[in-house]
C-alpha atoms as a PDB file:
ATOM      1  CA  THR A   1      -9.999 -29.873   7.483  1.00  0.00           C
ATOM      2  CA  PHE A   2      -7.377 -27.270   8.472  1.00  0.00           C
ATOM      3  CA  THR A   3      -8.241 -25.109   5.459  1.00  0.00           C
ATOM      4  CA  ALA A   4     -12.009 -25.606   5.824  1.00  0.00           C
ATOM      5  CA  GLN A   5     -11.847 -24.687   9.509  1.00  0.00           C
ATOM      6  CA  LEU A   6     -10.183 -21.340   8.736  1.00  0.00           C
ATOM      7  CA  GLU A   7     -12.171 -20.645   5.568  1.00  0.00           C
ATOM      8  CA  GLN A   8     -15.355 -20.304   7.626  1.00  0.00           C
ATOM      9  CA  TYR A   9     -13.687 -17.300   9.322  1.00  0.00           C
ATOM     10  CA  GLY A  10     -12.782 -15.620   6.033  1.00  0.00           C
ATOM     11  CA  PHE A  11      -9.254 -16.940   5.563  1.00  0.00           C
ATOM     12  CA  ASP A  12      -8.074 -17.488   1.989  1.00  0.00           C
ATOM     13  CA  PRO A  13      -7.983 -21.259   1.357  1.00  0.00           C
ATOM     14  CA  VAL A  14      -4.955 -20.941  -0.947  1.00  0.00           C
ATOM     15  CA  ILE A  15      -2.945 -19.240   1.795  1.00  0.00           C
ATOM     16  CA  THR A  16      -4.071 -21.611   4.531  1.00  0.00           C
ATOM     17  CA  GLY A  17      -3.435 -24.691   2.394  1.00  0.00           C
ATOM     18  CA  SER A  18      -0.017 -23.450   1.283  1.00  0.00           C
ATOM     19  CA  THR A  19       0.961 -22.646   4.869  1.00  0.00           C
ATOM     20  CA  PHE A  20      -0.175 -26.050   6.118  1.00  0.00           C
ATOM     21  CA  ARG A  21       1.738 -27.888   3.360  1.00  0.00           C
ATOM     22  CA  TYR A  22       4.848 -25.743   3.896  1.00  0.00           C
ATOM     23  CA  LEU A  23       4.931 -26.443   7.611  1.00  0.00           C
ATOM     24  CA  ARG A  24       4.502 -30.180   7.040  1.00  0.00           C
ATOM     25  CA  GLU A  25       6.728 -30.643   3.974  1.00  0.00           C
ATOM     26  CA  VAL A  26       9.461 -28.001   4.337  1.00  0.00           C
ATOM     27  CA  GLN A  27       9.655 -27.358   8.080  1.00  0.00           C
ATOM     28  CA  LEU A  28       8.946 -31.072   8.648  1.00  0.00           C
ATOM     29  CA  VAL A  29       6.382 -30.636  11.401  1.00  0.00           C
ATOM     30  CA  PRO A  30       5.558 -34.314  12.016  1.00  0.00           C
ATOM     31  CA  PHE A  31       2.166 -33.990  13.695  1.00  0.00           C
ATOM     32  CA  PRO A  32      -1.132 -32.318  12.911  1.00  0.00           C
ATOM     33  CA  VAL A  33      -0.851 -28.547  12.543  1.00  0.00           C
ATOM     34  CA  LEU A  34      -3.576 -26.529  14.252  1.00  0.00           C
ATOM     35  CA  PRO A  35      -4.270 -22.792  13.813  1.00  0.00           C
ATOM     36  CA  GLY A  36      -3.623 -22.058  17.489  1.00  0.00           C
ATOM     37  CA  ASP A  37      -0.314 -23.937  17.638  1.00  0.00           C
ATOM     38  CA  ASP A  38       2.591 -21.868  18.947  1.00  0.00           C
ATOM     39  CA  LEU A  39       5.209 -21.791  16.194  1.00  0.00           C
ATOM     40  CA  GLU A  40       8.098 -22.130  18.627  1.00  0.00           C
ATOM     41  CA  LYS A  41       6.723 -24.092  21.589  1.00  0.00           C
ATOM     42  CA  ASP A  42       4.330 -26.471  19.822  1.00  0.00           C
ATOM     43  CA  LEU A  43       5.967 -26.832  16.403  1.00  0.00           C
ATOM     44  CA  GLY A  44       9.584 -26.461  17.488  1.00  0.00           C
ATOM     45  CA  LEU A  45      10.451 -23.699  15.021  1.00  0.00           C
ATOM     46  CA  ALA A  46      13.332 -21.387  15.889  1.00  0.00           C
ATOM     47  CA  PRO A  47      12.841 -17.658  15.187  1.00  0.00           C
ATOM     48  CA  GLU A  48      15.004 -17.982  12.055  1.00  0.00           C
ATOM     49  CA  ASP A  49      12.759 -20.853  10.852  1.00  0.00           C
ATOM     50  CA  VAL A  50       9.715 -18.605  11.275  1.00  0.00           C
ATOM     51  CA  ASP A  51      11.468 -15.800   9.352  1.00  0.00           C
ATOM     52  CA  GLN A  52      12.399 -18.234   6.573  1.00  0.00           C
ATOM     53  CA  SER A  53       8.814 -19.491   6.445  1.00  0.00           C
ATOM     54  CA  VAL A  54       7.530 -15.938   5.989  1.00  0.00           C
ATOM     55  CA  ARG A  55      10.050 -15.251   3.205  1.00  0.00           C
ATOM     56  CA  ASP A  56       9.376 -18.538   1.406  1.00  0.00           C
ATOM     57  CA  LEU A  57       5.597 -18.312   1.677  1.00  0.00           C
ATOM     58  CA  THR A  58       5.378 -14.655   0.592  1.00  0.00           C
ATOM     59  CA  THR A  59       7.451 -15.552  -2.466  1.00  0.00           C
ATOM     60  CA  ALA A  60       5.404 -18.674  -3.241  1.00  0.00           C
ATOM     61  CA  LEU A  61       2.125 -16.809  -2.792  1.00  0.00           C
ATOM     62  CA  ARG A  62       3.357 -13.804  -4.816  1.00  0.00           C
ATOM     63  CA  ARG A  63       2.977 -11.448  -1.862  1.00  0.00           C
ATOM     64  CA  VAL A  64       5.106  -8.493  -0.786  1.00  0.00           C
ATOM     65  CA  HIS A  65       7.439  -9.312   2.098  1.00  0.00           C
ATOM     66  CA  SER A  66       7.717  -6.233   4.329  1.00  0.00           C
ATOM     67  CA  PRO A  67       9.426  -7.338   7.544  1.00  0.00           C
ATOM     68  CA  GLY A  68       9.492  -3.815   8.956  1.00  0.00           C
ATOM     69  CA  LEU A  69       5.709  -3.570   8.781  1.00  0.00           C
ATOM     70  CA  GLN A  70       4.985  -6.675  10.853  1.00  0.00           C
ATOM     71  CA  PRO A  71       2.777  -5.240  13.619  1.00  0.00           C
ATOM     72  CA  THR A  72       3.265  -7.911  16.264  1.00  0.00           C
ATOM     73  CA  PRO A  73       5.474 -10.947  16.771  1.00  0.00           C
ATOM     74  CA  LEU A  74       4.298 -14.116  15.067  1.00  0.00           C
ATOM     75  CA  ILE A  75       3.336 -16.508  17.836  1.00  0.00           C
ATOM     76  CA  THR A  76       0.810 -18.928  16.322  1.00  0.00           C
ATOM     77  CA  VAL A  77       0.144 -20.555  12.974  1.00  0.00           C
ATOM     78  CA  GLU A  78      -2.899 -18.286  12.682  1.00  0.00           C
ATOM     79  CA  ASP A  79      -0.657 -15.216  13.177  1.00  0.00           C
ATOM     80  CA  LEU A  80       1.502 -16.407  10.275  1.00  0.00           C
ATOM     81  CA  ILE A  81      -1.539 -16.890   8.040  1.00  0.00           C
ATOM     82  CA  ARG A  82      -2.929 -13.467   8.998  1.00  0.00           C
ATOM     83  CA  LEU A  83       0.379 -11.824   8.084  1.00  0.00           C
ATOM     84  CA  LEU A  84       0.446 -13.581   4.711  1.00  0.00           C
ATOM     85  CA  GLN A  85      -3.161 -12.692   3.974  1.00  0.00           C
ATOM     86  CA  ALA A  86      -2.562  -9.031   4.916  1.00  0.00           C
ATOM     87  CA  SER A  87       0.544  -8.788   2.708  1.00  0.00           C
ATOM     88  CA  PRO A  88      -0.258  -7.107  -0.622  1.00  0.00           C
ATOM     89  CA  ARG A  89      -0.171  -9.197  -3.772  1.00  0.00           C
ATOM     90  CA  ILE A  90       2.625  -8.539  -6.207  1.00  0.00           C
ATOM     91  CA  GLY A  91       1.196  -6.898  -9.328  1.00  0.00           C
ATOM     92  CA  ARG A  92       1.623  -8.223 -12.844  1.00  0.00           C
ATOM     93  CA  THR A  93       4.496  -5.819 -13.481  1.00  0.00           C
ATOM     94  CA  GLY A  94       6.349  -7.047 -10.380  1.00  0.00           C
ATOM     95  CA  ALA A  95       5.380  -4.057  -8.239  1.00  0.00           C
ATOM     96  CA  ALA A  96       3.040  -4.107  -5.316  1.00  0.00           C
END
């Protein structure tokens, strides 16, 4: 339902599903993850956990990780998904 909820607003279901699974399975968030959840306050992630999530997910999704281009701090799960979706795909030759 998490992915379907965001898909109706134009979010990529692969990115939303991957983010949801990552937060549950790697970051071990033990309760339902909602798009509006605060990464730190609601999910208990430290800033370094959020940074690691961005790095891991951009790699897994074959996206370019450009930390210097992040326009605003990542506060919510939706912010994280927006960043991933806005990150360019890595081309077949390994370049963006």
